[in-house]
C-alpha atoms as a PDB file:
ATOM      1  CA  MET A   1       7.878  12.564 -11.801  1.00  0.00           C
ATOM      2  CA  ILE A   2       6.633  10.327  -9.018  1.00  0.00           C
ATOM      3  CA  VAL A   3       8.413   7.021  -8.436  1.00  0.00           C
ATOM      4  CA  ILE A   4       6.761   4.032  -6.791  1.00  0.00           C
ATOM      5  CA  TYR A   5       8.881   1.144  -5.588  1.00  0.00           C
ATOM      6  CA  GLN A   6       6.586  -1.802  -5.221  1.00  0.00           C
ATOM      7  CA  HIS A   7       6.058  -5.512  -5.282  1.00  0.00           C
ATOM      8  CA  PRO A   8       4.044  -6.414  -8.412  1.00  0.00           C
ATOM      9  CA  ARG A   9       1.375  -8.350  -6.490  1.00  0.00           C
ATOM     10  CA  CYS A  10       1.013  -5.922  -3.567  1.00  0.00           C
ATOM     11  CA  ARG A  11      -2.600  -4.797  -3.075  1.00  0.00           C
ATOM     12  CA  ALA A  12      -1.542  -1.562  -1.389  1.00  0.00           C
ATOM     13  CA  ALA A  13       0.717  -0.769  -4.362  1.00  0.00           C
ATOM     14  CA  LYS A  14      -2.155  -1.303  -6.785  1.00  0.00           C
ATOM     15  CA  LYS A  15      -4.289   1.123  -4.759  1.00  0.00           C
ATOM     16  CA  CYS A  16      -1.446   3.649  -4.675  1.00  0.00           C
ATOM     17  CA  ILE A  17      -1.057   3.399  -8.443  1.00  0.00           C
ATOM     18  CA  LYS A  18      -4.778   4.101  -8.900  1.00  0.00           C
ATOM     19  CA  ILE A  19      -4.462   7.205  -6.729  1.00  0.00           C
ATOM     20  CA  LEU A  20      -1.371   8.311  -8.634  1.00  0.00           C
ATOM     21  CA  GLU A  21      -2.973   7.727 -12.033  1.00  0.00           C
ATOM     22  CA  THR A  22      -5.815  10.017 -10.993  1.00  0.00           C
ATOM     23  CA  ASP A  23      -3.654  12.807  -9.573  1.00  0.00           C
ATOM     24  CA  CYS A  24      -0.348  12.667 -11.496  1.00  0.00           C
ATOM     25  CA  ASN A  25       0.834  12.848 -15.065  1.00  0.00           C
ATOM     26  CA  GLN A  26       3.996  10.771 -14.871  1.00  0.00           C
ATOM     27  CA  ILE A  27       4.585   7.693 -12.735  1.00  0.00           C
ATOM     28  CA  ASN A  28       7.678   5.515 -12.800  1.00  0.00           C
ATOM     29  CA  GLU A  29       6.953   2.054 -11.378  1.00  0.00           C
ATOM     30  CA  ILE A  30       9.969   0.099 -10.129  1.00  0.00           C
ATOM     31  CA  SER A  31       9.768  -3.429  -8.803  1.00  0.00           C
ATOM     32  CA  HIS A  32      12.038  -3.910  -5.818  1.00  0.00           C
ATOM     33  CA  HIS A  33      11.075  -7.592  -5.870  1.00  0.00           C
ATOM     34  CA  GLY A  34      13.048  -8.198  -9.045  1.00  0.00           C
ATOM     35  CA  LEU A  35      16.236  -6.585  -7.732  1.00  0.00           C
ATOM     36  CA  ASP A  36      15.696  -3.467  -9.822  1.00  0.00           C
ATOM     37  CA  VAL A  37      17.004  -1.400  -6.898  1.00  0.00           C
ATOM     38  CA  THR A  38      20.710  -0.703  -6.452  1.00  0.00           C
ATOM     39  CA  GLU A  39      22.440  -0.205  -3.120  1.00  0.00           C
ATOM     40  CA  ASN A  40      22.764   3.534  -3.789  1.00  0.00           C
ATOM     41  CA  GLU A  41      19.052   3.793  -4.611  1.00  0.00           C
ATOM     42  CA  LEU A  42      18.110   1.916  -1.453  1.00  0.00           C
ATOM     43  CA  ARG A  43      20.314   4.190   0.642  1.00  0.00           C
ATOM     44  CA  ARG A  44      18.716   7.221  -1.032  1.00  0.00           C
ATOM     45  CA  ILE A  45      15.217   5.870  -0.315  1.00  0.00           C
ATOM     46  CA  ILE A  46      16.097   5.324   3.341  1.00  0.00           C
ATOM     47  CA  SER A  47      17.518   8.841   3.537  1.00  0.00           C
ATOM     48  CA  ILE A  48      14.464  10.472   1.959  1.00  0.00           C
ATOM     49  CA  LEU A  49      12.119   8.484   4.203  1.00  0.00           C
ATOM     50  CA  GLY A  50      14.184   9.636   7.170  1.00  0.00           C
ATOM     51  CA  CYS A  51      14.236   6.175   8.697  1.00  0.00           C
ATOM     52  CA  LYS A  52      16.693   3.470   9.684  1.00  0.00           C
ATOM     53  CA  PRO A  53      17.111   0.387   7.472  1.00  0.00           C
ATOM     54  CA  ILE A  54      15.363  -1.805  10.060  1.00  0.00           C
ATOM     55  CA  ASP A  55      12.263   0.410   9.697  1.00  0.00           C
ATOM     56  CA  LEU A  56      12.008  -0.634   6.060  1.00  0.00           C
ATOM     57  CA  ILE A  57      12.011  -4.365   6.792  1.00  0.00           C
ATOM     58  CA  LYS A  58       8.861  -6.450   7.180  1.00  0.00           C
ATOM     59  CA  LEU A  59       9.576  -7.821  10.650  1.00  0.00           C
ATOM     60  CA  GLY A  60       6.775 -10.364  10.328  1.00  0.00           C
ATOM     61  CA  HIS A  61       8.127 -11.872   7.104  1.00  0.00           C
ATOM     62  CA  THR A  62       9.274 -15.497   7.308  1.00  0.00           C
ATOM     63  CA  ILE A  63      12.750 -14.667   6.009  1.00  0.00           C
ATOM     64  CA  TYR A  64      13.247 -12.094   8.747  1.00  0.00           C
ATOM     65  CA  LYS A  65      11.849 -14.345  11.451  1.00  0.00           C
ATOM     66  CA  THR A  66      13.860 -17.419  10.486  1.00  0.00           C
ATOM     67  CA  LEU A  67      17.168 -15.921   9.333  1.00  0.00           C
ATOM     68  CA  LEU A  68      17.617 -12.463  10.773  1.00  0.00           C
ATOM     69  CA  GLN A  69      15.537 -11.819  13.863  1.00  0.00           C
ATOM     70  CA  PHE A  70      18.140 -12.822  16.422  1.00  0.00           C
ATOM     71  CA  LEU A  71      21.192 -11.432  14.646  1.00  0.00           C
ATOM     72  CA  ASP A  72      22.770  -8.158  15.720  1.00  0.00           C
ATOM     73  CA  LEU A  73      23.123  -6.505  12.308  1.00  0.00           C
ATOM     74  CA  ASN A  74      24.318  -2.986  11.593  1.00  0.00           C
ATOM     75  CA  ASP A  75      22.699  -0.685   9.016  1.00  0.00           C
ATOM     76  CA  ASP A  76      25.106  -1.630   6.207  1.00  0.00           C
ATOM     77  CA  GLU A  77      24.468  -5.334   6.782  1.00  0.00           C
ATOM     78  CA  LEU A  78      20.694  -4.778   6.792  1.00  0.00           C
ATOM     79  CA  ILE A  79      20.904  -2.907   3.488  1.00  0.00           C
ATOM     80  CA  LYS A  80      22.867  -5.742   1.894  1.00  0.00           C
ATOM     81  CA  ILE A  81      20.319  -8.244   3.208  1.00  0.00           C
ATOM     82  CA  MET A  82      17.442  -6.182   1.776  1.00  0.00           C
ATOM     83  CA  LEU A  83      19.164  -6.212  -1.603  1.00  0.00           C
ATOM     84  CA  HIS A  84      19.639  -9.980  -1.359  1.00  0.00           C
ATOM     85  CA  TYR A  85      16.073 -10.592  -0.102  1.00  0.00           C
ATOM     86  CA  PRO A  86      14.055  -7.696  -1.586  1.00  0.00           C
ATOM     87  CA  VAL A  87      10.790  -9.397  -0.649  1.00  0.00           C
ATOM     88  CA  ILE A  88      11.369  -8.276   2.965  1.00  0.00           C
ATOM     89  CA  ILE A  89      11.292  -4.585   1.998  1.00  0.00           C
ATOM     90  CA  LYS A  90       8.099  -2.805   2.986  1.00  0.00           C
ATOM     91  CA  SER A  91       6.150  -1.525   0.034  1.00  0.00           C
ATOM     92  CA  PRO A  92       4.905   0.443  -1.689  1.00  0.00           C
ATOM     93  CA  ILE A  93       7.344   3.304  -1.306  1.00  0.00           C
ATOM     94  CA  VAL A  94       6.309   6.448  -3.144  1.00  0.00           C
ATOM     95  CA  ILE A  95       8.825   9.230  -3.814  1.00  0.00           C
ATOM     96  CA  ASN A  96       8.045  12.686  -5.104  1.00  0.00           C
ATOM     97  CA  GLY A  97      11.242  14.733  -5.329  1.00  0.00           C
ATOM     98  CA  ASN A  98      12.677  14.942  -1.827  1.00  0.00           C
ATOM     99  CA  LYS A  99       9.533  13.625  -0.126  1.00  0.00           C
ATOM    100  CA  ALA A 100       8.695   9.974   0.400  1.00  0.00           C
ATOM    101  CA  VAL A 101       6.220   7.786   2.217  1.00  0.00           C
ATOM    102  CA  ILE A 102       5.448   4.120   2.647  1.00  0.00           C
ATOM    103  CA  GLY A 103       1.971   3.766   1.158  1.00  0.00           C
ATOM    104  CA  ARG A 104       0.331   1.834   3.981  1.00  0.00           C
ATOM    105  CA  PRO A 105      -2.445   2.760   4.014  1.00  0.00           C
ATOM    106  CA  PRO A 106      -2.418   3.939   0.387  1.00  0.00           C
ATOM    107  CA  GLU A 107      -4.079   7.245   1.274  1.00  0.00           C
ATOM    108  CA  LEU A 108      -0.828   8.342   2.950  1.00  0.00           C
ATOM    109  CA  ILE A 109       0.653   9.069  -0.459  1.00  0.00           C
ATOM    110  CA  LYS A 110      -1.675  12.045  -0.831  1.00  0.00           C
ATOM    111  CA  GLN A 111       0.612  13.848   1.647  1.00  0.00           C
ATOM    112  CA  ILE A 112       3.395  14.029  -0.926  1.00  0.00           C
ATOM    113  CA  ILE A 113       1.617  14.411  -4.284  1.00  0.00           C
END
């Protein structure tokens, strides 16, 4: 089963879902915007993506720019902030088993399906 973590109004997520509906039988859509993601899930996503927590944050988002940009935060602190402000998490994130990709542009998801 393919899992897509996404913001409900994200245009890229909608395009990814169209691609997935064409190529896959089962899709599990999870909204990270509504805090449907636990700390363990977020850590797992970061691990599968093979990135650092800062790589998963929208650095141009107002919350990041006004509250976080000039703070020296470690990975654990960034994860807690992402859980508190899920809107700053890049999306969509598509996971297929032990492979994952941020679907920007949406065509990138074809690498893992």
